[in-house]
Amino acid sequence: MLYINNLGSCFGSTGPLSLNAETGRPFGGDFPDITISDMTASQKLLIDRLGIGRFHTVIGGSMGAMLSLDWAINYPDSLDNLVLISSSYKAYPANIANRSIQHQAIRMDAMWNGGNYASSRDLTGFRLARKLGLCTYRNAAEWNQRFNSHDGADANDTDIVEYMDYNAEKFCRTFDANSYLVLTRSMDLFDVTKNYSSLQQWFSRISARTLVVSMESDIFFTPQQQEEQRDALYAGSVDCQCISHPSQYGHDAFLVEKDPFTKYIRKFLNGL
């Protein structure tokens, strides 16, 4: 199994924390926009350098599925199987709108200072952006059941607020705000059909057997987006299987309920 940090990340890849050769300082807020295809292109350079000619399976969830889909389209001869979980083939207006609020929350923070802040954990706007993102990763049904103080359960009205505060603080201690802007912006720019006249023309490039797994309760990548991705794969005559997973955990179901997804993938890879 091979793990590669994405271009723009703050965990070892070239990104906003990297030193600018011209200034000798980190790029910060001056790091350029990059695309999902830029990330896969950089990964392909490494794969070629390592002498890896072909993958048995490429699997991705959420943004990782965007990368996996882009890989299967641009490098179709390099993989046999493709698994896409909770994603889509393009950015949708609702997704872009949500992320635009997150971006504004970060940039309007006085301490952001054009991307030249002292520490990400000091940015109130970054914590707010993470909380807004978290609201789309789970489903209201789960939170209403888990934190409801009005049905006799052992819960307080402030529990959900403390949960959001804790998760935002934890994330902002380990992730860089500028990298967050760069990576989420790349999702805004994502559309594998751009510059092509039809879905069939683009998706017919995929030669891998493909599995699409969606969440019935996902409000981040909605069932509509999953259905349109499925239809696009069918339009390209891709050998494709689709599963709609019932769960109250929304977009994050594949992170919470690992056993069902392991079974889905194992069954698919076994040709069943």
C-alpha atoms as a PDB file:
ATOM      1  CA  MET A   1       0.000   0.000   0.000  1.00  0.00           C
ATOM      2  CA  LEU A   2       1.356   3.409  -1.018  1.00  0.00           C
ATOM      3  CA  TYR A   3       0.500   6.755   0.598  1.00  0.00           C
ATOM      4  CA  ILE A   4       1.458  10.047  -1.067  1.00  0.00           C
ATOM      5  CA  ASN A   5       0.853  13.512   0.357  1.00  0.00           C
ATOM      6  CA  ASN A   6      -1.077  15.775  -1.966  1.00  0.00           C
ATOM      7  CA  LEU A   7       0.521  18.759  -3.614  1.00  0.00           C
ATOM      8  CA  GLY A   8      -0.491  21.755  -1.482  1.00  0.00           C
ATOM      9  CA  SER A   9      -0.612  19.746   1.732  1.00  0.00           C
ATOM     10  CA  CYS A  10       1.177  20.734   4.940  1.00  0.00           C
ATOM     11  CA  PHE A  11       2.443  17.202   5.600  1.00  0.00           C
ATOM     12  CA  GLY A  12       5.608  16.990   3.546  1.00  0.00           C
ATOM     13  CA  SER A  13       4.517  17.944   0.031  1.00  0.00           C
ATOM     14  CA  THR A  14       5.190  21.267  -1.674  1.00  0.00           C
ATOM     15  CA  GLY A  15       2.645  23.705  -0.266  1.00  0.00           C
ATOM     16  CA  PRO A  16       2.124  27.081   1.444  1.00  0.00           C
ATOM     17  CA  LEU A  17       4.611  26.158   4.185  1.00  0.00           C
ATOM     18  CA  SER A  18       7.342  25.459   1.607  1.00  0.00           C
ATOM     19  CA  LEU A  19      10.056  28.063   1.167  1.00  0.00           C
ATOM     20  CA  ASN A  20       9.780  30.377  -1.816  1.00  0.00           C
ATOM     21  CA  ALA A  21      13.187  30.294  -3.570  1.00  0.00           C
ATOM     22  CA  GLU A  22      12.860  33.977  -4.515  1.00  0.00           C
ATOM     23  CA  THR A  23      12.062  35.320  -1.045  1.00  0.00           C
ATOM     24  CA  GLY A  24      13.493  32.648   1.223  1.00  0.00           C
ATOM     25  CA  ARG A  25      10.227  32.699   3.171  1.00  0.00           C
ATOM     26  CA  PRO A  26       7.224  30.354   3.139  1.00  0.00           C
ATOM     27  CA  PHE A  27       4.762  30.952   0.300  1.00  0.00           C
ATOM     28  CA  GLY A  28       1.937  31.486   2.782  1.00  0.00           C
ATOM     29  CA  GLY A  29      -1.044  33.154   1.156  1.00  0.00           C
ATOM     30  CA  ASP A  30       0.881  33.577  -2.116  1.00  0.00           C
ATOM     31  CA  PHE A  31       0.824  29.884  -2.961  1.00  0.00           C
ATOM     32  CA  PRO A  32      -0.922  29.515  -6.357  1.00  0.00           C
ATOM     33  CA  ASP A  33      -4.163  27.712  -7.101  1.00  0.00           C
ATOM     34  CA  ILE A  34      -3.644  24.087  -8.000  1.00  0.00           C
ATOM     35  CA  THR A  35      -6.032  21.501  -9.407  1.00  0.00           C
ATOM     36  CA  ILE A  36      -6.828  17.880  -8.683  1.00  0.00           C
ATOM     37  CA  SER A  37      -5.086  17.054 -11.972  1.00  0.00           C
ATOM     38  CA  ASP A  38      -1.968  18.899 -10.770  1.00  0.00           C
ATOM     39  CA  MET A  39      -1.925  16.611  -7.744  1.00  0.00           C
ATOM     40  CA  THR A  40      -2.302  13.409  -9.755  1.00  0.00           C
ATOM     41  CA  ALA A  41       0.335  14.604 -12.234  1.00  0.00           C
ATOM     42  CA  SER A  42       2.819  15.086  -9.397  1.00  0.00           C
ATOM     43  CA  GLN A  43       1.922  11.649  -8.043  1.00  0.00           C
ATOM     44  CA  LYS A  44       2.448  10.106 -11.485  1.00  0.00           C
ATOM     45  CA  LEU A  45       5.972  11.546 -11.561  1.00  0.00           C
ATOM     46  CA  LEU A  46       6.749   9.783  -8.299  1.00  0.00           C
ATOM     47  CA  ILE A  47       5.100   6.532  -9.392  1.00  0.00           C
ATOM     48  CA  ASP A  48       7.171   6.510 -12.574  1.00  0.00           C
ATOM     49  CA  ARG A  49      10.344   7.280 -10.603  1.00  0.00           C
ATOM     50  CA  LEU A  50       9.596   4.324  -8.320  1.00  0.00           C
ATOM     51  CA  GLY A  51       9.160   2.086 -11.338  1.00  0.00           C
ATOM     52  CA  ILE A  52       5.561   1.169 -10.559  1.00  0.00           C
ATOM     53  CA  GLY A  53       3.854   0.405 -13.858  1.00  0.00           C
ATOM     54  CA  ARG A  54       0.395  -0.614 -12.791  1.00  0.00           C
ATOM     55  CA  PHE A  55      -1.916  -0.689  -9.765  1.00  0.00           C
ATOM     56  CA  HIS A  56      -4.268  -3.505  -8.885  1.00  0.00           C
ATOM     57  CA  THR A  57      -6.740  -1.053  -7.311  1.00  0.00           C
ATOM     58  CA  VAL A  58      -7.022   2.689  -6.742  1.00  0.00           C
ATOM     59  CA  ILE A  59      -9.422   3.620  -3.919  1.00  0.00           C
ATOM     60  CA  GLY A  60     -10.516   7.042  -2.720  1.00  0.00           C
ATOM     61  CA  GLY A  61     -13.126   8.611  -0.481  1.00  0.00           C
ATOM     62  CA  SER A  62     -14.389  12.199  -0.723  1.00  0.00           C
ATOM     63  CA  MET A  63     -11.554  14.343  -2.168  1.00  0.00           C
ATOM     64  CA  GLY A  64      -9.543  11.134  -2.470  1.00  0.00           C
ATOM     65  CA  ALA A  65     -12.183   9.815  -4.852  1.00  0.00           C
ATOM     66  CA  MET A  66     -11.786  12.945  -6.989  1.00  0.00           C
ATOM     67  CA  LEU A  67      -8.072  12.145  -7.216  1.00  0.00           C
ATOM     68  CA  SER A  68      -8.822   8.491  -7.988  1.00  0.00           C
ATOM     69  CA  LEU A  69     -11.299   9.375 -10.737  1.00  0.00           C
ATOM     70  CA  ASP A  70      -8.885  11.862 -12.275  1.00  0.00           C
ATOM     71  CA  TRP A  71      -6.153   9.215 -12.174  1.00  0.00           C
ATOM     72  CA  ALA A  72      -8.360   6.623 -13.901  1.00  0.00           C
ATOM     73  CA  ILE A  73      -9.223   9.078 -16.665  1.00  0.00           C
ATOM     74  CA  ASN A  74      -5.770  10.538 -17.283  1.00  0.00           C
ATOM     75  CA  TYR A  75      -3.753   7.354 -16.746  1.00  0.00           C
ATOM     76  CA  PRO A  76      -6.197   4.603 -17.753  1.00  0.00           C
ATOM     77  CA  ASP A  77      -3.523   2.004 -18.485  1.00  0.00           C
ATOM     78  CA  SER A  78      -2.121   2.180 -14.956  1.00  0.00           C
ATOM     79  CA  LEU A  79      -4.896   0.477 -12.943  1.00  0.00           C
ATOM     80  CA  ASP A  80      -7.216  -2.525 -13.054  1.00  0.00           C
ATOM     81  CA  ASN A  81      -9.852  -1.529 -10.488  1.00  0.00           C
ATOM     82  CA  LEU A  82     -11.280   1.772  -9.282  1.00  0.00           C
ATOM     83  CA  VAL A  83     -13.310   2.410  -6.103  1.00  0.00           C
ATOM     84  CA  LEU A  84     -15.014   5.799  -5.638  1.00  0.00           C
ATOM     85  CA  ILE A  85     -16.631   6.513  -2.265  1.00  0.00           C
ATOM     86  CA  SER A  86     -18.755   9.576  -1.433  1.00  0.00           C
ATOM     87  CA  SER A  87     -17.652  11.881  -4.210  1.00  0.00           C
ATOM     88  CA  SER A  88     -18.609  13.373  -7.572  1.00  0.00           C
ATOM     89  CA  TYR A  89     -17.114  14.103 -10.981  1.00  0.00           C
ATOM     90  CA  LYS A  90     -17.377  17.876 -10.616  1.00  0.00           C
ATOM     91  CA  ALA A  91     -17.872  20.621  -8.045  1.00  0.00           C
ATOM     92  CA  TYR A  92     -21.538  21.474  -7.514  1.00  0.00           C
ATOM     93  CA  PRO A  93     -22.842  24.974  -6.661  1.00  0.00           C
ATOM     94  CA  ALA A  94     -23.911  23.983  -3.129  1.00  0.00           C
ATOM     95  CA  ASN A  95     -20.430  22.625  -2.400  1.00  0.00           C
ATOM     96  CA  ILE A  96     -18.739  25.741  -3.775  1.00  0.00           C
ATOM     97  CA  ALA A  97     -21.088  27.995  -1.777  1.00  0.00           C
ATOM     98  CA  ASN A  98     -20.283  26.181   1.458  1.00  0.00           C
ATOM     99  CA  ARG A  99     -16.553  26.335   0.864  1.00  0.00           C
ATOM    100  CA  SER A 100     -16.729  30.015  -0.123  1.00  0.00           C
ATOM    101  CA  ILE A 101     -18.063  30.821   3.359  1.00  0.00           C
ATOM    102  CA  GLN A 102     -15.253  28.780   4.901  1.00  0.00           C
ATOM    103  CA  HIS A 103     -12.688  30.659   2.806  1.00  0.00           C
ATOM    104  CA  GLN A 104     -14.148  34.025   3.766  1.00  0.00           C
ATOM    105  CA  ALA A 105     -14.151  33.098   7.447  1.00  0.00           C
ATOM    106  CA  ILE A 106     -10.411  32.399   7.258  1.00  0.00           C
ATOM    107  CA  ARG A 107      -9.471  35.422   5.170  1.00  0.00           C
ATOM    108  CA  MET A 108     -11.585  37.873   7.202  1.00  0.00           C
ATOM    109  CA  ASP A 109      -9.776  36.914  10.402  1.00  0.00           C
ATOM    110  CA  ALA A 110      -7.554  39.882  11.283  1.00  0.00           C
ATOM    111  CA  MET A 111      -4.790  37.515  12.348  1.00  0.00           C
ATOM    112  CA  TRP A 112      -4.727  35.799   8.948  1.00  0.00           C
ATOM    113  CA  ASN A 113      -2.762  38.833   7.694  1.00  0.00           C
ATOM    114  CA  GLY A 114      -2.814  37.905   4.018  1.00  0.00           C
ATOM    115  CA  GLY A 115      -1.695  34.388   4.839  1.00  0.00           C
ATOM    116  CA  ASN A 116       1.273  35.491   6.969  1.00  0.00           C
ATOM    117  CA  TYR A 117      -0.094  34.412  10.349  1.00  0.00           C
ATOM    118  CA  ALA A 118       1.937  33.153  13.279  1.00  0.00           C
ATOM    119  CA  SER A 119      -0.014  29.946  13.888  1.00  0.00           C
ATOM    120  CA  SER A 120      -3.125  28.324  12.405  1.00  0.00           C
ATOM    121  CA  ARG A 121      -4.462  27.497  15.841  1.00  0.00           C
ATOM    122  CA  ASP A 122      -4.640  31.243  16.602  1.00  0.00           C
ATOM    123  CA  LEU A 123      -7.117  31.827  13.768  1.00  0.00           C
ATOM    124  CA  THR A 124     -10.691  32.003  15.028  1.00  0.00           C
ATOM    125  CA  GLY A 125     -11.832  32.107  11.392  1.00  0.00           C
ATOM    126  CA  PHE A 126     -10.086  28.800  10.697  1.00  0.00           C
ATOM    127  CA  ARG A 127     -11.863  27.124  13.598  1.00  0.00           C
ATOM    128  CA  LEU A 128     -15.159  28.535  12.337  1.00  0.00           C
ATOM    129  CA  ALA A 129     -14.441  27.225   8.830  1.00  0.00           C
ATOM    130  CA  ARG A 130     -13.747  23.769  10.202  1.00  0.00           C
ATOM    131  CA  LYS A 131     -16.997  23.792  12.180  1.00  0.00           C
ATOM    132  CA  LEU A 132     -18.946  24.702   9.054  1.00  0.00           C
ATOM    133  CA  GLY A 133     -17.278  21.858   7.194  1.00  0.00           C
ATOM    134  CA  LEU A 134     -18.058  19.460  10.026  1.00  0.00           C
ATOM    135  CA  CYS A 135     -21.746  20.330   9.729  1.00  0.00           C
ATOM    136  CA  THR A 136     -21.735  18.883   6.202  1.00  0.00           C
ATOM    137  CA  TYR A 137     -19.747  15.757   7.034  1.00  0.00           C
ATOM    138  CA  ARG A 138     -22.404  14.325   9.347  1.00  0.00           C
ATOM    139  CA  ASN A 139     -26.175  14.107   9.126  1.00  0.00           C
ATOM    140  CA  ALA A 140     -28.621  15.902  11.427  1.00  0.00           C
ATOM    141  CA  ALA A 141     -30.292  12.587  12.292  1.00  0.00           C
ATOM    142  CA  GLU A 142     -27.139  11.313  13.972  1.00  0.00           C
ATOM    143  CA  TRP A 143     -26.498  14.500  15.922  1.00  0.00           C
ATOM    144  CA  ASN A 144     -30.141  14.806  16.996  1.00  0.00           C
ATOM    145  CA  GLN A 145     -30.017  11.294  18.355  1.00  0.00           C
ATOM    146  CA  ARG A 146     -26.589  11.617  19.918  1.00  0.00           C
ATOM    147  CA  PHE A 147     -26.897  15.019  21.558  1.00  0.00           C
ATOM    148  CA  ASN A 148     -30.652  15.391  22.145  1.00  0.00           C
ATOM    149  CA  SER A 149     -31.274  16.558  25.732  1.00  0.00           C
ATOM    150  CA  HIS A 150     -35.068  16.679  25.335  1.00  0.00           C
ATOM    151  CA  ASP A 151     -35.877  12.980  25.188  1.00  0.00           C
ATOM    152  CA  GLY A 152     -34.710  11.959  28.644  1.00  0.00           C
ATOM    153  CA  ALA A 153     -31.231  11.045  27.441  1.00  0.00           C
ATOM    154  CA  ASP A 154     -28.167  11.792  29.521  1.00  0.00           C
ATOM    155  CA  ALA A 155     -27.170  14.824  27.462  1.00  0.00           C
ATOM    156  CA  ASN A 156     -26.860  18.587  27.841  1.00  0.00           C
ATOM    157  CA  ASP A 157     -27.766  21.291  25.365  1.00  0.00           C
ATOM    158  CA  THR A 158     -24.137  22.411  25.321  1.00  0.00           C
ATOM    159  CA  ASP A 159     -22.727  18.981  24.409  1.00  0.00           C
ATOM    160  CA  ILE A 160     -22.969  19.567  20.672  1.00  0.00           C
ATOM    161  CA  VAL A 161     -21.237  22.962  21.018  1.00  0.00           C
ATOM    162  CA  GLU A 162     -18.426  21.415  23.053  1.00  0.00           C
ATOM    163  CA  TYR A 163     -18.105  18.638  20.463  1.00  0.00           C
ATOM    164  CA  MET A 164     -17.756  21.185  17.655  1.00  0.00           C
ATOM    165  CA  ASP A 165     -15.253  23.261  19.652  1.00  0.00           C
ATOM    166  CA  TYR A 166     -13.145  20.210  20.476  1.00  0.00           C
ATOM    167  CA  ASN A 167     -12.993  18.949  16.886  1.00  0.00           C
ATOM    168  CA  ALA A 168     -12.209  22.378  15.449  1.00  0.00           C
ATOM    169  CA  GLU A 169      -9.449  22.980  17.995  1.00  0.00           C
ATOM    170  CA  LYS A 170      -7.946  19.538  17.385  1.00  0.00           C
ATOM    171  CA  PHE A 171      -7.926  20.016  13.605  1.00  0.00           C
ATOM    172  CA  CYS A 172      -6.446  23.523  13.735  1.00  0.00           C
ATOM    173  CA  ARG A 173      -3.583  22.310  15.932  1.00  0.00           C
ATOM    174  CA  THR A 174      -2.402  19.918  13.226  1.00  0.00           C
ATOM    175  CA  PHE A 175      -3.412  21.442   9.875  1.00  0.00           C
ATOM    176  CA  ASP A 176      -2.309  24.637   8.135  1.00  0.00           C
ATOM    177  CA  ALA A 177      -4.972  27.200   7.237  1.00  0.00           C
ATOM    178  CA  ASN A 178      -3.365  28.166   3.917  1.00  0.00           C
ATOM    179  CA  SER A 179      -3.144  24.493   2.910  1.00  0.00           C
ATOM    180  CA  TYR A 180      -6.822  24.166   3.800  1.00  0.00           C
ATOM    181  CA  LEU A 181      -7.591  27.058   1.446  1.00  0.00           C
ATOM    182  CA  VAL A 182      -5.485  25.561  -1.361  1.00  0.00           C
ATOM    183  CA  LEU A 183      -6.891  22.037  -1.099  1.00  0.00           C
ATOM    184  CA  THR A 184     -10.544  23.053  -0.776  1.00  0.00           C
ATOM    185  CA  ARG A 185     -10.095  25.509  -3.650  1.00  0.00           C
ATOM    186  CA  SER A 186      -8.867  22.600  -5.790  1.00  0.00           C
ATOM    187  CA  MET A 187     -12.186  20.891  -5.081  1.00  0.00           C
ATOM    188  CA  ASP A 188     -14.023  24.020  -6.280  1.00  0.00           C
ATOM    189  CA  LEU A 189     -12.128  23.835  -9.587  1.00  0.00           C
ATOM    190  CA  PHE A 190     -12.780  20.133 -10.110  1.00  0.00           C
ATOM    191  CA  ASP A 191     -14.682  19.073 -13.232  1.00  0.00           C
ATOM    192  CA  VAL A 192     -13.347  16.143 -15.253  1.00  0.00           C
ATOM    193  CA  THR A 193     -15.664  16.959 -18.166  1.00  0.00           C
ATOM    194  CA  LYS A 194     -14.369  20.483 -18.739  1.00  0.00           C
ATOM    195  CA  ASN A 195     -13.343  21.115 -22.360  1.00  0.00           C
ATOM    196  CA  TYR A 196     -15.117  17.970 -23.540  1.00  0.00           C
ATOM    197  CA  SER A 197     -18.335  17.968 -25.534  1.00  0.00           C
ATOM    198  CA  SER A 198     -19.981  15.011 -23.787  1.00  0.00           C
ATOM    199  CA  LEU A 199     -19.831  12.792 -20.740  1.00  0.00           C
ATOM    200  CA  GLN A 200     -19.301   9.814 -23.012  1.00  0.00           C
ATOM    201  CA  GLN A 201     -16.216  11.374 -24.592  1.00  0.00           C
ATOM    202  CA  TRP A 202     -14.483  11.825 -21.239  1.00  0.00           C
ATOM    203  CA  PHE A 203     -15.625   8.821 -19.224  1.00  0.00           C
ATOM    204  CA  SER A 204     -15.016   6.362 -22.048  1.00  0.00           C
ATOM    205  CA  ARG A 205     -11.317   6.828 -21.289  1.00  0.00           C
ATOM    206  CA  ILE A 206     -11.735   4.736 -18.119  1.00  0.00           C
ATOM    207  CA  SER A 207     -10.750   1.111 -18.617  1.00  0.00           C
ATOM    208  CA  ALA A 208     -10.815   0.003 -14.965  1.00  0.00           C
ATOM    209  CA  ARG A 209     -13.630  -1.972 -13.387  1.00  0.00           C
ATOM    210  CA  THR A 210     -15.328   0.593 -11.176  1.00  0.00           C
ATOM    211  CA  LEU A 211     -17.287   0.568  -7.927  1.00  0.00           C
ATOM    212  CA  VAL A 212     -19.227   3.648  -6.771  1.00  0.00           C
ATOM    213  CA  VAL A 213     -20.391   3.721  -3.146  1.00  0.00           C
ATOM    214  CA  SER A 214     -22.674   6.541  -2.020  1.00  0.00           C
ATOM    215  CA  MET A 215     -24.354   7.399   1.300  1.00  0.00           C
ATOM    216  CA  GLU A 216     -28.102   7.799   1.401  1.00  0.00           C
ATOM    217  CA  SER A 217     -27.799  10.478   4.107  1.00  0.00           C
ATOM    218  CA  ASP A 218     -24.848  12.382   2.609  1.00  0.00           C
ATOM    219  CA  ILE A 219     -25.500  16.134   2.432  1.00  0.00           C
ATOM    220  CA  PHE A 220     -21.934  16.962   1.280  1.00  0.00           C
ATOM    221  CA  PHE A 221     -21.931  14.792  -1.842  1.00  0.00           C
ATOM    222  CA  THR A 222     -25.650  14.260  -2.185  1.00  0.00           C
ATOM    223  CA  PRO A 223     -27.390  11.200  -3.677  1.00  0.00           C
ATOM    224  CA  GLN A 224     -28.167  13.343  -6.742  1.00  0.00           C
ATOM    225  CA  GLN A 225     -24.451  13.886  -7.334  1.00  0.00           C
ATOM    226  CA  GLN A 226     -23.787  10.178  -6.911  1.00  0.00           C
ATOM    227  CA  GLU A 227     -26.535   9.281  -9.367  1.00  0.00           C
ATOM    228  CA  GLU A 228     -25.187  11.718 -11.955  1.00  0.00           C
ATOM    229  CA  GLN A 229     -21.694  10.282 -11.530  1.00  0.00           C
ATOM    230  CA  ARG A 230     -23.121   6.785 -12.016  1.00  0.00           C
ATOM    231  CA  ASP A 231     -24.965   7.881 -15.151  1.00  0.00           C
ATOM    232  CA  ALA A 232     -21.791   9.507 -16.492  1.00  0.00           C
ATOM    233  CA  LEU A 233     -19.859   6.266 -16.000  1.00  0.00           C
ATOM    234  CA  TYR A 234     -22.607   4.308 -17.740  1.00  0.00           C
ATOM    235  CA  ALA A 235     -22.566   6.851 -20.595  1.00  0.00           C
ATOM    236  CA  GLY A 236     -18.870   6.079 -21.035  1.00  0.00           C
ATOM    237  CA  SER A 237     -19.619   2.319 -21.132  1.00  0.00           C
ATOM    238  CA  VAL A 238     -17.556   1.802 -17.982  1.00  0.00           C
ATOM    239  CA  ASP A 239     -17.854  -1.606 -16.281  1.00  0.00           C
ATOM    240  CA  CYS A 240     -19.448  -0.111 -13.174  1.00  0.00           C
ATOM    241  CA  GLN A 241     -21.191  -1.310 -10.032  1.00  0.00           C
ATOM    242  CA  CYS A 242     -23.037   1.056  -7.683  1.00  0.00           C
ATOM    243  CA  ILE A 243     -23.981   0.688  -4.026  1.00  0.00           C
ATOM    244  CA  SER A 244     -26.125   3.054  -1.966  1.00  0.00           C
ATOM    245  CA  HIS A 245     -25.153   2.625   1.685  1.00  0.00           C
ATOM    246  CA  PRO A 246     -27.883   3.250   4.296  1.00  0.00           C
ATOM    247  CA  SER A 247     -26.454   5.150   7.241  1.00  0.00           C
ATOM    248  CA  GLN A 248     -27.283   7.970   9.641  1.00  0.00           C
ATOM    249  CA  TYR A 249     -23.653   9.148   9.639  1.00  0.00           C
ATOM    250  CA  GLY A 250     -23.858  11.081   6.373  1.00  0.00           C
ATOM    251  CA  HIS A 251     -20.685  11.781   4.427  1.00  0.00           C
ATOM    252  CA  ASP A 252     -18.446  10.412   7.183  1.00  0.00           C
ATOM    253  CA  ALA A 253     -20.080   6.986   7.155  1.00  0.00           C
ATOM    254  CA  PHE A 254     -17.100   5.401   5.399  1.00  0.00           C
ATOM    255  CA  LEU A 255     -14.867   6.621   8.257  1.00  0.00           C
ATOM    256  CA  VAL A 256     -17.232   5.456  11.011  1.00  0.00           C
ATOM    257  CA  GLU A 257     -18.666   2.201   9.676  1.00  0.00           C
ATOM    258  CA  LYS A 258     -15.605   0.428   8.294  1.00  0.00           C
ATOM    259  CA  ASP A 259     -16.891  -3.158   8.229  1.00  0.00           C
ATOM    260  CA  PRO A 260     -19.628  -2.672   5.586  1.00  0.00           C
ATOM    261  CA  PHE A 261     -17.229  -0.847   3.274  1.00  0.00           C
ATOM    262  CA  THR A 262     -14.608  -3.529   3.679  1.00  0.00           C
ATOM    263  CA  LYS A 263     -17.235  -6.075   2.610  1.00  0.00           C
ATOM    264  CA  TYR A 264     -18.334  -3.957  -0.369  1.00  0.00           C
ATOM    265  CA  ILE A 265     -14.773  -3.617  -1.617  1.00  0.00           C
ATOM    266  CA  ARG A 266     -13.811  -7.233  -0.973  1.00  0.00           C
ATOM    267  CA  LYS A 267     -16.901  -8.493  -2.816  1.00  0.00           C
ATOM    268  CA  PHE A 268     -16.193  -6.170  -5.745  1.00  0.00           C
ATOM    269  CA  LEU A 269     -12.542  -7.197  -6.002  1.00  0.00           C
ATOM    270  CA  ASN A 270     -13.528 -10.859  -5.877  1.00  0.00           C
ATOM    271  CA  GLY A 271     -15.652 -10.255  -8.963  1.00  0.00           C
ATOM    272  CA  LEU A 272     -18.977 -10.870  -7.212  1.00  0.00           C
END
